[in-house]
């Protein structure tokens, strides 16, 4: 039989580790040269909780997988906008 304190610890640990990653697609404006996707990727990679970011200059999008317990899709768009590339959330998936 599990002691109540140990059972509570298991529940807390499970919920902290159980955050499912999310993937979001951002529309990114003003990417005009080969260095632009590098700058956008760098801005995204500095956001806590980002696991992966792919930037596509041809489609002017960034697809980002992140931990929703640590950041939001809106925070990702803000990070890109603050780097000089206006961004907005296109698709916010689970």
Foldseek 3Di string as FASTA:
>chain_A
DDDPVVVVVVVVVCVVVVQDKWKFKKQWPDPDDPCLQVLLQVLLVPQPFWPDWDADPVRRMIMTIGGVVRDDPVVSQVSSVVSPIRMDTDDIGD
